[in-house]
């Protein structure tokens, strides 16, 4: 897994928009203006930071060496997944989908309906 490969995958999410609001080093994915993924590189390793339910984040960080509390985010609601590492690509994709869905659930009803939710 690389950030380039993951970005290509995230580009397929409905209404996902990518930009660099924090500068050229962090590619941020948003849906309806709300962040759901941050792709960047730190100390030579690529990573993605994703939104999670707090209880899921606790389990994931205890099970995987390469999943840590969110880097530069609320450590209770975000995780950072480093790759390559002990997290399979399929799980990274699944965590991206969950992050997207968590953010969509927090949108206004009209926005959720426009995305095919509710």
PDB file of N, CA and C in Angstrom:
ATOM      1  N   UNK A   1       0.849  -1.186   0.000  1.00  0.00           N
ATOM      2  CA  UNK A   1       0.000   0.000   0.000  1.00  0.00           C
ATOM      3  C   UNK A   1       0.889   1.242   0.000  1.00  0.00           C
ATOM      4  N   UNK A   2       0.506   2.200  -0.821  1.00  0.00           N
ATOM      5  CA  UNK A   2       1.165   3.502  -0.834  1.00  0.00           C
ATOM      6  C   UNK A   2       0.090   4.576  -0.764  1.00  0.00           C
ATOM      7  N   UNK A   3       0.494   5.798  -0.451  1.00  0.00           N
ATOM      8  CA  UNK A   3      -0.479   6.890  -0.430  1.00  0.00           C
ATOM      9  C   UNK A   3      -1.081   7.114  -1.808  1.00  0.00           C
ATOM     10  N   UNK A   4      -0.286   6.915  -2.843  1.00  0.00           N
ATOM     11  CA  UNK A   4      -0.795   7.100  -4.202  1.00  0.00           C
ATOM     12  C   UNK A   4      -1.901   6.079  -4.498  1.00  0.00           C
ATOM     13  N   UNK A   5      -1.665   4.819  -4.119  1.00  0.00           N
ATOM     14  CA  UNK A   5      -2.673   3.776  -4.328  1.00  0.00           C
ATOM     15  C   UNK A   5      -3.926   4.047  -3.501  1.00  0.00           C
ATOM     16  N   UNK A   6      -3.732   4.474  -2.250  1.00  0.00           N
ATOM     17  CA  UNK A   6      -4.884   4.740  -1.394  1.00  0.00           C
ATOM     18  C   UNK A   6      -5.671   5.945  -1.888  1.00  0.00           C
ATOM     19  N   UNK A   7      -4.985   6.965  -2.373  1.00  0.00           N
ATOM     20  CA  UNK A   7      -5.670   8.141  -2.915  1.00  0.00           C
ATOM     21  C   UNK A   7      -6.548   7.746  -4.098  1.00  0.00           C
ATOM     22  N   UNK A   8      -6.040   6.867  -4.939  1.00  0.00           N
ATOM     23  CA  UNK A   8      -6.815   6.390  -6.093  1.00  0.00           C
ATOM     24  C   UNK A   8      -8.102   5.700  -5.611  1.00  0.00           C
ATOM     25  N   UNK A   9      -7.985   4.927  -4.539  1.00  0.00           N
ATOM     26  CA  UNK A   9      -9.154   4.249  -3.963  1.00  0.00           C
ATOM     27  C   UNK A   9     -10.132   5.271  -3.371  1.00  0.00           C
ATOM     28  N   UNK A  10      -9.634   6.236  -2.610  1.00  0.00           N
ATOM     29  CA  UNK A  10     -10.501   7.235  -1.971  1.00  0.00           C
ATOM     30  C   UNK A  10     -11.202   8.122  -3.003  1.00  0.00           C
ATOM     31  N   UNK A  11     -10.576   8.297  -4.150  1.00  0.00           N
ATOM     32  CA  UNK A  11     -11.196   9.088  -5.219  1.00  0.00           C
ATOM     33  C   UNK A  11     -12.500   8.465  -5.718  1.00  0.00           C
ATOM     34  N   UNK A  12     -12.717   7.180  -5.436  1.00  0.00           N
ATOM     35  CA  UNK A  12     -13.937   6.504  -5.886  1.00  0.00           C
ATOM     36  C   UNK A  12     -15.121   6.737  -4.941  1.00  0.00           C
ATOM     37  N   UNK A  13     -14.885   7.297  -3.760  1.00  0.00           N
ATOM     38  CA  UNK A  13     -15.961   7.518  -2.795  1.00  0.00           C
ATOM     39  C   UNK A  13     -16.857   8.658  -3.278  1.00  0.00           C
ATOM     40  N   UNK A  14     -18.171   8.459  -3.166  1.00  0.00           N
ATOM     41  CA  UNK A  14     -19.134   9.443  -3.643  1.00  0.00           C
ATOM     42  C   UNK A  14     -18.936  10.800  -2.957  1.00  0.00           C
ATOM     43  N   UNK A  15     -18.795  11.838  -3.763  1.00  0.00           N
ATOM     44  CA  UNK A  15     -18.661  13.227  -3.318  1.00  0.00           C
ATOM     45  C   UNK A  15     -17.384  13.494  -2.532  1.00  0.00           C
ATOM     46  N   UNK A  16     -16.409  12.586  -2.600  1.00  0.00           N
ATOM     47  CA  UNK A  16     -15.135  12.810  -1.915  1.00  0.00           C
ATOM     48  C   UNK A  16     -14.337  13.873  -2.660  1.00  0.00           C
ATOM     49  N   UNK A  17     -13.764  14.785  -1.889  1.00  0.00           N
ATOM     50  CA  UNK A  17     -12.945  15.851  -2.460  1.00  0.00           C
ATOM     51  C   UNK A  17     -11.603  15.842  -1.758  1.00  0.00           C
ATOM     52  N   UNK A  18     -10.542  16.008  -2.528  1.00  0.00           N
ATOM     53  CA  UNK A  18      -9.194  16.010  -1.966  1.00  0.00           C
ATOM     54  C   UNK A  18      -8.556  17.383  -2.161  1.00  0.00           C
ATOM     55  N   UNK A  19      -7.881  17.855  -1.105  1.00  0.00           N
ATOM     56  CA  UNK A  19      -7.118  19.087  -1.228  1.00  0.00           C
ATOM     57  C   UNK A  19      -6.023  19.120  -0.167  1.00  0.00           C
ATOM     58  N   UNK A  20      -5.293  20.221  -0.142  1.00  0.00           N
ATOM     59  CA  UNK A  20      -4.147  20.375   0.754  1.00  0.00           C
ATOM     60  C   UNK A  20      -4.342  21.588   1.674  1.00  0.00           C
ATOM     61  N   UNK A  21      -5.319  21.554   2.587  1.00  0.00           N
ATOM     62  CA  UNK A  21      -5.566  22.724   3.435  1.00  0.00           C
ATOM     63  C   UNK A  21      -4.456  22.988   4.454  1.00  0.00           C
ATOM     64  N   UNK A  22      -3.621  21.991   4.744  1.00  0.00           N
ATOM     65  CA  UNK A  22      -2.557  22.140   5.737  1.00  0.00           C
ATOM     66  C   UNK A  22      -1.181  22.270   5.096  1.00  0.00           C
ATOM     67  N   UNK A  23      -1.142  22.476   3.777  1.00  0.00           N
ATOM     68  CA  UNK A  23       0.128  22.573   3.077  1.00  0.00           C
ATOM     69  C   UNK A  23       0.347  21.368   2.182  1.00  0.00           C
ATOM     70  N   UNK A  24       1.461  21.350   1.461  1.00  0.00           N
ATOM     71  CA  UNK A  24       1.689  20.333   0.429  1.00  0.00           C
ATOM     72  C   UNK A  24       2.008  18.928   0.950  1.00  0.00           C
ATOM     73  N   UNK A  25       2.182  18.771   2.239  1.00  0.00           N
ATOM     74  CA  UNK A  25       2.590  17.472   2.768  1.00  0.00           C
ATOM     75  C   UNK A  25       1.446  16.592   3.243  1.00  0.00           C
ATOM     76  N   UNK A  26       0.238  17.118   3.329  1.00  0.00           N
ATOM     77  CA  UNK A  26      -0.892  16.330   3.835  1.00  0.00           C
ATOM     78  C   UNK A  26      -2.081  16.454   2.888  1.00  0.00           C
ATOM     79  N   UNK A  27      -2.423  15.337   2.235  1.00  0.00           N
ATOM     80  CA  UNK A  27      -3.573  15.293   1.330  1.00  0.00           C
ATOM     81  C   UNK A  27      -4.812  14.929   2.156  1.00  0.00           C
ATOM     82  N   UNK A  28      -5.772  15.834   2.205  1.00  0.00           N
ATOM     83  CA  UNK A  28      -6.955  15.659   3.044  1.00  0.00           C
ATOM     84  C   UNK A  28      -8.159  15.329   2.176  1.00  0.00           C
ATOM     85  N   UNK A  29      -8.873  14.264   2.553  1.00  0.00           N
ATOM     86  CA  UNK A  29     -10.112  13.884   1.870  1.00  0.00           C
ATOM     87  C   UNK A  29     -11.295  14.309   2.735  1.00  0.00           C
ATOM     88  N   UNK A  30     -12.266  14.940   2.073  1.00  0.00           N
ATOM     89  CA  UNK A  30     -13.468  15.419   2.751  1.00  0.00           C
ATOM     90  C   UNK A  30     -14.704  14.970   1.978  1.00  0.00           C
ATOM     91  N   UNK A  31     -15.806  14.883   2.711  1.00  0.00           N
ATOM     92  CA  UNK A  31     -17.106  14.687   2.099  1.00  0.00           C
ATOM     93  C   UNK A  31     -17.989  15.802   2.646  1.00  0.00           C
ATOM     94  N   UNK A  32     -18.564  16.586   1.751  1.00  0.00           N
ATOM     95  CA  UNK A  32     -19.403  17.740   2.128  1.00  0.00           C
ATOM     96  C   UNK A  32     -18.669  18.647   3.132  1.00  0.00           C
ATOM     97  N   UNK A  33     -17.367  18.828   2.909  1.00  0.00           N
ATOM     98  CA  UNK A  33     -16.578  19.739   3.737  1.00  0.00           C
ATOM     99  C   UNK A  33     -16.069  19.168   5.050  1.00  0.00           C
ATOM    100  N   UNK A  34     -16.358  17.899   5.334  1.00  0.00           N
ATOM    101  CA  UNK A  34     -15.927  17.264   6.595  1.00  0.00           C
ATOM    102  C   UNK A  34     -14.830  16.234   6.303  1.00  0.00           C
ATOM    103  N   UNK A  35     -13.740  16.319   7.047  1.00  0.00           N
ATOM    104  CA  UNK A  35     -12.611  15.409   6.846  1.00  0.00           C
ATOM    105  C   UNK A  35     -12.953  13.974   7.225  1.00  0.00           C
ATOM    106  N   UNK A  36     -12.454  13.032   6.401  1.00  0.00           N
ATOM    107  CA  UNK A  36     -12.557  11.619   6.779  1.00  0.00           C
ATOM    108  C   UNK A  36     -11.235  10.880   6.592  1.00  0.00           C
ATOM    109  N   UNK A  37     -10.256  11.473   5.921  1.00  0.00           N
ATOM    110  CA  UNK A  37      -8.949  10.825   5.760  1.00  0.00           C
ATOM    111  C   UNK A  37      -7.874  11.877   5.507  1.00  0.00           C
ATOM    112  N   UNK A  38      -6.704  11.631   6.092  1.00  0.00           N
ATOM    113  CA  UNK A  38      -5.535  12.485   5.871  1.00  0.00           C
ATOM    114  C   UNK A  38      -4.378  11.566   5.476  1.00  0.00           C
ATOM    115  N   UNK A  39      -3.826  11.776   4.292  1.00  0.00           N
ATOM    116  CA  UNK A  39      -2.697  10.981   3.817  1.00  0.00           C
ATOM    117  C   UNK A  39      -1.434  11.817   3.899  1.00  0.00           C
ATOM    118  N   UNK A  40      -0.398  11.266   4.487  1.00  0.00           N
ATOM    119  CA  UNK A  40       0.857  12.004   4.618  1.00  0.00           C
ATOM    120  C   UNK A  40       2.011  11.033   4.815  1.00  0.00           C
ATOM    121  N   UNK A  41       3.181  11.588   5.110  1.00  0.00           N
ATOM    122  CA  UNK A  41       4.391  10.801   5.330  1.00  0.00           C
ATOM    123  C   UNK A  41       5.107  11.380   6.544  1.00  0.00           C
ATOM    124  N   UNK A  42       5.623  10.486   7.385  1.00  0.00           N
ATOM    125  CA  UNK A  42       6.316  10.920   8.598  1.00  0.00           C
ATOM    126  C   UNK A  42       7.474   9.969   8.860  1.00  0.00           C
ATOM    127  N   UNK A  43       8.639  10.531   9.083  1.00  0.00           N
ATOM    128  CA  UNK A  43       9.833   9.742   9.375  1.00  0.00           C
ATOM    129  C   UNK A  43      10.029   8.609   8.358  1.00  0.00           C
ATOM    130  N   UNK A  44       9.798   8.933   7.086  1.00  0.00           N
ATOM    131  CA  UNK A  44      10.022   7.977   6.013  1.00  0.00           C
ATOM    132  C   UNK A  44       8.910   6.961   5.776  1.00  0.00           C
ATOM    133  N   UNK A  45       7.828   7.031   6.561  1.00  0.00           N
ATOM    134  CA  UNK A  45       6.719   6.076   6.390  1.00  0.00           C
ATOM    135  C   UNK A  45       5.445   6.812   6.011  1.00  0.00           C
ATOM    136  N   UNK A  46       4.736   6.237   5.061  1.00  0.00           N
ATOM    137  CA  UNK A  46       3.452   6.804   4.670  1.00  0.00           C
ATOM    138  C   UNK A  46       2.386   6.338   5.649  1.00  0.00           C
ATOM    139  N   UNK A  47       1.339   7.167   5.769  1.00  0.00           N
ATOM    140  CA  UNK A  47       0.247   6.808   6.676  1.00  0.00           C
ATOM    141  C   UNK A  47      -1.045   7.469   6.257  1.00  0.00           C
ATOM    142  N   UNK A  48      -2.134   6.954   6.835  1.00  0.00           N
ATOM    143  CA  UNK A  48      -3.443   7.578   6.686  1.00  0.00           C
ATOM    144  C   UNK A  48      -4.037   7.726   8.090  1.00  0.00           C
ATOM    145  N   UNK A  49      -4.634   8.868   8.339  1.00  0.00           N
ATOM    146  CA  UNK A  49      -5.324   9.115   9.600  1.00  0.00           C
ATOM    147  C   UNK A  49      -6.816   9.100   9.305  1.00  0.00           C
ATOM    148  N   UNK A  50      -7.560   8.307  10.102  1.00  0.00           N
ATOM    149  CA  UNK A  50      -8.977   8.058   9.842  1.00  0.00           C
ATOM    150  C   UNK A  50      -9.825   8.221  11.088  1.00  0.00           C
ATOM    151  N   UNK A  51     -11.078   8.588  10.896  1.00  0.00           N
ATOM    152  CA  UNK A  51     -12.033   8.718  11.993  1.00  0.00           C
ATOM    153  C   UNK A  51     -12.527   7.324  12.392  1.00  0.00           C
ATOM    154  N   UNK A  52     -12.687   7.101  13.714  1.00  0.00           N
ATOM    155  CA  UNK A  52     -13.189   5.820  14.227  1.00  0.00           C
ATOM    156  C   UNK A  52     -14.096   6.062  15.421  1.00  0.00           C
ATOM    157  N   UNK A  53     -14.887   5.045  15.747  1.00  0.00           N
ATOM    158  CA  UNK A  53     -15.606   5.045  17.019  1.00  0.00           C
ATOM    159  C   UNK A  53     -14.541   4.848  18.096  1.00  0.00           C
ATOM    160  N   UNK A  54     -14.635   5.547  19.230  1.00  0.00           N
ATOM    161  CA  UNK A  54     -13.596   5.425  20.266  1.00  0.00           C
ATOM    162  C   UNK A  54     -13.289   3.985  20.680  1.00  0.00           C
ATOM    163  N   UNK A  55     -14.323   3.163  20.837  1.00  0.00           N
ATOM    164  CA  UNK A  55     -14.082   1.778  21.256  1.00  0.00           C
ATOM    165  C   UNK A  55     -13.350   0.982  20.179  1.00  0.00           C
ATOM    166  N   UNK A  56     -13.631   1.255  18.909  1.00  0.00           N
ATOM    167  CA  UNK A  56     -12.925   0.578  17.819  1.00  0.00           C
ATOM    168  C   UNK A  56     -11.458   0.998  17.785  1.00  0.00           C
ATOM    169  N   UNK A  57     -11.219   2.279  18.017  1.00  0.00           N
ATOM    170  CA  UNK A  57      -9.850   2.781  18.036  1.00  0.00           C
ATOM    171  C   UNK A  57      -9.020   2.119  19.118  1.00  0.00           C
ATOM    172  N   UNK A  58      -9.606   1.927  20.289  1.00  0.00           N
ATOM    173  CA  UNK A  58      -8.896   1.276  21.392  1.00  0.00           C
ATOM    174  C   UNK A  58      -8.516  -0.152  21.028  1.00  0.00           C
ATOM    175  N   UNK A  59      -9.447  -0.885  20.429  1.00  0.00           N
ATOM    176  CA  UNK A  59      -9.182  -2.278  20.044  1.00  0.00           C
ATOM    177  C   UNK A  59      -8.097  -2.328  18.963  1.00  0.00           C
ATOM    178  N   UNK A  60      -8.224  -1.494  17.944  1.00  0.00           N
ATOM    179  CA  UNK A  60      -7.270  -1.513  16.831  1.00  0.00           C
ATOM    180  C   UNK A  60      -5.856  -1.154  17.279  1.00  0.00           C
ATOM    181  N   UNK A  61      -5.731  -0.126  18.132  1.00  0.00           N
ATOM    182  CA  UNK A  61      -4.396   0.264  18.581  1.00  0.00           C
ATOM    183  C   UNK A  61      -3.768  -0.795  19.481  1.00  0.00           C
ATOM    184  N   UNK A  62      -4.584  -1.603  20.139  1.00  0.00           N
ATOM    185  CA  UNK A  62      -4.031  -2.662  20.984  1.00  0.00           C
ATOM    186  C   UNK A  62      -3.673  -3.904  20.166  1.00  0.00           C
ATOM    187  N   UNK A  63      -4.299  -4.083  18.999  1.00  0.00           N
ATOM    188  CA  UNK A  63      -4.069  -5.286  18.187  1.00  0.00           C
ATOM    189  C   UNK A  63      -2.962  -5.139  17.147  1.00  0.00           C
ATOM    190  N   UNK A  64      -2.683  -3.918  16.705  1.00  0.00           N
ATOM    191  CA  UNK A  64      -1.724  -3.697  15.623  1.00  0.00           C
ATOM    192  C   UNK A  64      -0.631  -2.722  16.041  1.00  0.00           C
ATOM    193  N   UNK A  65       0.608  -3.090  15.745  1.00  0.00           N
ATOM    194  CA  UNK A  65       1.735  -2.190  16.039  1.00  0.00           C
ATOM    195  C   UNK A  65       1.687  -0.941  15.172  1.00  0.00           C
ATOM    196  N   UNK A  66       1.173  -1.083  13.940  1.00  0.00           N
ATOM    197  CA  UNK A  66       1.184   0.030  12.990  1.00  0.00           C
ATOM    198  C   UNK A  66      -0.111   0.844  12.972  1.00  0.00           C
ATOM    199  N   UNK A  67      -0.944   0.677  13.994  1.00  0.00           N
ATOM    200  CA  UNK A  67      -2.104   1.554  14.189  1.00  0.00           C
ATOM    201  C   UNK A  67      -1.912   2.241  15.533  1.00  0.00           C
ATOM    202  N   UNK A  68      -1.882   3.565  15.483  1.00  0.00           N
ATOM    203  CA  UNK A  68      -1.664   4.365  16.690  1.00  0.00           C
ATOM    204  C   UNK A  68      -2.804   5.366  16.848  1.00  0.00           C
ATOM    205  N   UNK A  69      -2.952   5.960  18.034  1.00  0.00           N
ATOM    206  CA  UNK A  69      -3.926   7.046  18.159  1.00  0.00           C
ATOM    207  C   UNK A  69      -3.601   8.120  17.115  1.00  0.00           C
ATOM    208  N   UNK A  70      -4.613   8.826  16.654  1.00  0.00           N
ATOM    209  CA  UNK A  70      -4.473   9.777  15.559  1.00  0.00           C
ATOM    210  C   UNK A  70      -3.357  10.792  15.727  1.00  0.00           C
ATOM    211  N   UNK A  71      -2.520  10.900  14.693  1.00  0.00           N
ATOM    212  CA  UNK A  71      -1.416  11.851  14.686  1.00  0.00           C
ATOM    213  C   UNK A  71      -1.961  13.248  14.387  1.00  0.00           C
ATOM    214  N   UNK A  72      -1.717  14.198  15.275  1.00  0.00           N
ATOM    215  CA  UNK A  72      -2.187  15.589  15.143  1.00  0.00           C
ATOM    216  C   UNK A  72      -3.710  15.712  15.068  1.00  0.00           C
ATOM    217  N   UNK A  73      -4.425  14.763  15.667  1.00  0.00           N
ATOM    218  CA  UNK A  73      -5.887  14.805  15.695  1.00  0.00           C
ATOM    219  C   UNK A  73      -6.354  14.385  17.081  1.00  0.00           C
ATOM    220  N   UNK A  74      -7.653  14.401  17.297  1.00  0.00           N
ATOM    221  CA  UNK A  74      -8.225  13.947  18.565  1.00  0.00           C
ATOM    222  C   UNK A  74      -7.953  12.454  18.689  1.00  0.00           C
ATOM    223  N   UNK A  75      -7.138  12.089  19.653  1.00  0.00           N
ATOM    224  CA  UNK A  75      -6.674  10.705  19.771  1.00  0.00           C
ATOM    225  C   UNK A  75      -7.773   9.735  20.176  1.00  0.00           C
ATOM    226  N   UNK A  76      -8.891  10.243  20.615  1.00  0.00           N
ATOM    227  CA  UNK A  76     -10.014   9.376  20.988  1.00  0.00           C
ATOM    228  C   UNK A  76     -10.864   9.003  19.766  1.00  0.00           C
ATOM    229  N   UNK A  77     -10.924   9.905  18.795  1.00  0.00           N
ATOM    230  CA  UNK A  77     -11.818   9.716  17.646  1.00  0.00           C
ATOM    231  C   UNK A  77     -11.102   9.451  16.318  1.00  0.00           C
ATOM    232  N   UNK A  78      -9.776   9.436  16.331  1.00  0.00           N
ATOM    233  CA  UNK A  78      -9.016   9.235  15.105  1.00  0.00           C
ATOM    234  C   UNK A  78      -7.876   8.247  15.359  1.00  0.00           C
ATOM    235  N   UNK A  79      -7.530   7.477  14.321  1.00  0.00           N
ATOM    236  CA  UNK A  79      -6.369   6.586  14.371  1.00  0.00           C
ATOM    237  C   UNK A  79      -5.461   6.903  13.187  1.00  0.00           C
ATOM    238  N   UNK A  80      -4.194   6.530  13.321  1.00  0.00           N
ATOM    239  CA  UNK A  80      -3.246   6.649  12.225  1.00  0.00           C
ATOM    240  C   UNK A  80      -2.738   5.249  11.898  1.00  0.00           C
ATOM    241  N   UNK A  81      -2.808   4.903  10.621  1.00  0.00           N
ATOM    242  CA  UNK A  81      -2.364   3.592  10.139  1.00  0.00           C
ATOM    243  C   UNK A  81      -1.121   3.808   9.277  1.00  0.00           C
ATOM    244  N   UNK A  82      -0.001   3.236   9.715  1.00  0.00           N
ATOM    245  CA  UNK A  82       1.258   3.330   8.968  1.00  0.00           C
ATOM    246  C   UNK A  82       1.397   2.121   8.051  1.00  0.00           C
ATOM    247  N   UNK A  83       1.990   2.353   6.871  1.00  0.00           N
ATOM    248  CA  UNK A  83       2.217   1.253   5.930  1.00  0.00           C
ATOM    249  C   UNK A  83       3.474   1.503   5.130  1.00  0.00           C
ATOM    250  N   UNK A  84       4.085   0.429   4.621  1.00  0.00           N
ATOM    251  CA  UNK A  84       3.685  -0.961   4.845  1.00  0.00           C
ATOM    252  C   UNK A  84       3.928  -1.350   6.299  1.00  0.00           C
ATOM    253  N   UNK A  85       3.181  -2.370   6.727  1.00  0.00           N
ATOM    254  CA  UNK A  85       3.307  -2.807   8.113  1.00  0.00           C
ATOM    255  C   UNK A  85       2.457  -4.018   8.378  1.00  0.00           C
ATOM    256  N   UNK A  86       1.949  -4.102   9.605  1.00  0.00           N
ATOM    257  CA  UNK A  86       1.201  -5.300   9.992  1.00  0.00           C
ATOM    258  C   UNK A  86      -0.299  -5.204   9.721  1.00  0.00           C
ATOM    259  N   UNK A  87      -0.711  -4.179   8.982  1.00  0.00           N
ATOM    260  CA  UNK A  87      -2.126  -4.007   8.650  1.00  0.00           C
ATOM    261  C   UNK A  87      -2.307  -4.309   7.156  1.00  0.00           C
ATOM    262  N   UNK A  88      -3.148  -5.287   6.851  1.00  0.00           N
ATOM    263  CA  UNK A  88      -3.376  -5.671   5.460  1.00  0.00           C
ATOM    264  C   UNK A  88      -4.118  -4.571   4.704  1.00  0.00           C
ATOM    265  N   UNK A  89      -3.866  -4.500   3.408  1.00  0.00           N
ATOM    266  CA  UNK A  89      -4.496  -3.482   2.562  1.00  0.00           C
ATOM    267  C   UNK A  89      -6.016  -3.524   2.656  1.00  0.00           C
ATOM    268  N   UNK A  90      -6.589  -4.729   2.706  1.00  0.00           N
ATOM    269  CA  UNK A  90      -8.047  -4.867   2.795  1.00  0.00           C
ATOM    270  C   UNK A  90      -8.604  -4.208   4.047  1.00  0.00           C
ATOM    271  N   UNK A  91      -7.893  -4.324   5.150  1.00  0.00           N
ATOM    272  CA  UNK A  91      -8.339  -3.685   6.396  1.00  0.00           C
ATOM    273  C   UNK A  91      -8.216  -2.172   6.291  1.00  0.00           C
ATOM    274  N   UNK A  92      -7.158  -1.692   5.658  1.00  0.00           N
ATOM    275  CA  UNK A  92      -7.010  -0.245   5.462  1.00  0.00           C
ATOM    276  C   UNK A  92      -8.196   0.282   4.650  1.00  0.00           C
ATOM    277  N   UNK A  93      -8.564  -0.429   3.595  1.00  0.00           N
ATOM    278  CA  UNK A  93      -9.715  -0.022   2.777  1.00  0.00           C
ATOM    279  C   UNK A  93     -10.992  -0.019   3.612  1.00  0.00           C
ATOM    280  N   UNK A  94     -11.180  -1.061   4.418  1.00  0.00           N
ATOM    281  CA  UNK A  94     -12.357  -1.159   5.279  1.00  0.00           C
ATOM    282  C   UNK A  94     -12.404   0.002   6.279  1.00  0.00           C
ATOM    283  N   UNK A  95     -11.273   0.333   6.865  1.00  0.00           N
ATOM    284  CA  UNK A  95     -11.220   1.444   7.822  1.00  0.00           C
ATOM    285  C   UNK A  95     -11.516   2.780   7.141  1.00  0.00           C
ATOM    286  N   UNK A  96     -11.100   2.926   5.895  1.00  0.00           N
ATOM    287  CA  UNK A  96     -11.410   4.138   5.121  1.00  0.00           C
ATOM    288  C   UNK A  96     -12.917   4.250   4.897  1.00  0.00           C
ATOM    289  N   UNK A  97     -13.545   3.123   4.536  1.00  0.00           N
ATOM    290  CA  UNK A  97     -14.991   3.119   4.319  1.00  0.00           C
ATOM    291  C   UNK A  97     -15.734   3.461   5.605  1.00  0.00           C
ATOM    292  N   UNK A  98     -15.287   2.885   6.713  1.00  0.00           N
ATOM    293  CA  UNK A  98     -15.929   3.174   8.006  1.00  0.00           C
ATOM    294  C   UNK A  98     -15.784   4.641   8.378  1.00  0.00           C
ATOM    295  N   UNK A  99     -14.609   5.207   8.132  1.00  0.00           N
ATOM    296  CA  UNK A  99     -14.376   6.620   8.434  1.00  0.00           C
ATOM    297  C   UNK A  99     -15.323   7.498   7.614  1.00  0.00           C
ATOM    298  N   UNK A 100     -15.419   7.198   6.322  1.00  0.00           N
ATOM    299  CA  UNK A 100     -16.308   7.927   5.429  1.00  0.00           C
ATOM    300  C   UNK A 100     -17.753   7.850   5.938  1.00  0.00           C
ATOM    301  N   UNK A 101     -18.195   6.638   6.284  1.00  0.00           N
ATOM    302  CA  UNK A 101     -19.570   6.451   6.750  1.00  0.00           C
ATOM    303  C   UNK A 101     -19.835   7.161   8.075  1.00  0.00           C
ATOM    304  N   UNK A 102     -18.853   7.179   8.974  1.00  0.00           N
ATOM    305  CA  UNK A 102     -19.014   7.907  10.240  1.00  0.00           C
ATOM    306  C   UNK A 102     -19.224   9.399   9.988  1.00  0.00           C
ATOM    307  N   UNK A 103     -18.451   9.929   9.064  1.00  0.00           N
ATOM    308  CA  UNK A 103     -18.579  11.354   8.748  1.00  0.00           C
ATOM    309  C   UNK A 103     -19.922  11.626   8.076  1.00  0.00           C
ATOM    310  N   UNK A 104     -20.327  10.764   7.157  1.00  0.00           N
ATOM    311  CA  UNK A 104     -21.613  10.940   6.479  1.00  0.00           C
ATOM    312  C   UNK A 104     -22.760  10.913   7.490  1.00  0.00           C
ATOM    313  N   UNK A 105     -22.691  10.006   8.473  1.00  0.00           N
ATOM    314  CA  UNK A 105     -23.740   9.931   9.504  1.00  0.00           C
ATOM    315  C   UNK A 105     -23.892  11.239  10.262  1.00  0.00           C
ATOM    316  N   UNK A 106     -22.826  12.008  10.367  1.00  0.00           N
ATOM    317  CA  UNK A 106     -22.865  13.283  11.083  1.00  0.00           C
ATOM    318  C   UNK A 106     -23.326  14.461  10.247  1.00  0.00           C
ATOM    319  N   UNK A 107     -23.575  14.232   8.968  1.00  0.00           N
ATOM    320  CA  UNK A 107     -24.024  15.316   8.088  1.00  0.00           C
ATOM    321  C   UNK A 107     -25.513  15.601   8.303  1.00  0.00           C
ATOM    322  N   UNK A 108     -25.947  16.733   7.792  1.00  0.00           N
ATOM    323  CA  UNK A 108     -27.364  17.071   7.827  1.00  0.00           C
ATOM    324  C   UNK A 108     -28.137  16.067   6.974  1.00  0.00           C
ATOM    325  N   UNK A 109     -29.393  15.848   7.337  1.00  0.00           N
ATOM    326  CA  UNK A 109     -30.209  14.838   6.655  1.00  0.00           C
ATOM    327  C   UNK A 109     -30.253  15.058   5.140  1.00  0.00           C
ATOM    328  N   UNK A 110     -30.416  16.285   4.715  1.00  0.00           N
ATOM    329  CA  UNK A 110     -30.490  16.593   3.289  1.00  0.00           C
ATOM    330  C   UNK A 110     -29.201  16.179   2.574  1.00  0.00           C
ATOM    331  N   UNK A 111     -28.058  16.400   3.229  1.00  0.00           N
ATOM    332  CA  UNK A 111     -26.774  16.013   2.638  1.00  0.00           C
ATOM    333  C   UNK A 111     -26.634  14.485   2.593  1.00  0.00           C
ATOM    334  N   UNK A 112     -27.082  13.806   3.650  1.00  0.00           N
ATOM    335  CA  UNK A 112     -27.030  12.341   3.678  1.00  0.00           C
ATOM    336  C   UNK A 112     -27.900  11.744   2.573  1.00  0.00           C
ATOM    337  N   UNK A 113     -29.087  12.278   2.410  1.00  0.00           N
ATOM    338  CA  UNK A 113     -30.009  11.783   1.381  1.00  0.00           C
ATOM    339  C   UNK A 113     -29.392  11.978  -0.010  1.00  0.00           C
ATOM    340  N   UNK A 114     -28.755  13.111  -0.228  1.00  0.00           N
ATOM    341  CA  UNK A 114     -28.117  13.383  -1.529  1.00  0.00           C
ATOM    342  C   UNK A 114     -27.012  12.378  -1.828  1.00  0.00           C
ATOM    343  N   UNK A 115     -26.419  11.800  -0.778  1.00  0.00           N
ATOM    344  CA  UNK A 115     -25.356  10.808  -0.949  1.00  0.00           C
ATOM    345  C   UNK A 115     -25.908   9.373  -0.983  1.00  0.00           C
ATOM    346  N   UNK A 116     -27.225   9.233  -0.847  1.00  0.00           N
ATOM    347  CA  UNK A 116     -27.840   7.919  -0.884  1.00  0.00           C
ATOM    348  C   UNK A 116     -27.924   7.236   0.463  1.00  0.00           C
ATOM    349  N   UNK A 117     -27.751   7.988   1.544  1.00  0.00           N
ATOM    350  CA  UNK A 117     -27.879   7.445   2.891  1.00  0.00           C
ATOM    351  C   UNK A 117     -29.206   7.912   3.483  1.00  0.00           C
ATOM    352  N   UNK A 118     -29.675   7.211   4.475  1.00  0.00           N
ATOM    353  CA  UNK A 118     -30.946   7.495   5.186  1.00  0.00           C
ATOM    354  C   UNK A 118     -32.093   6.962   4.444  1.00  0.00           C
TER     355      UNK A 118
END
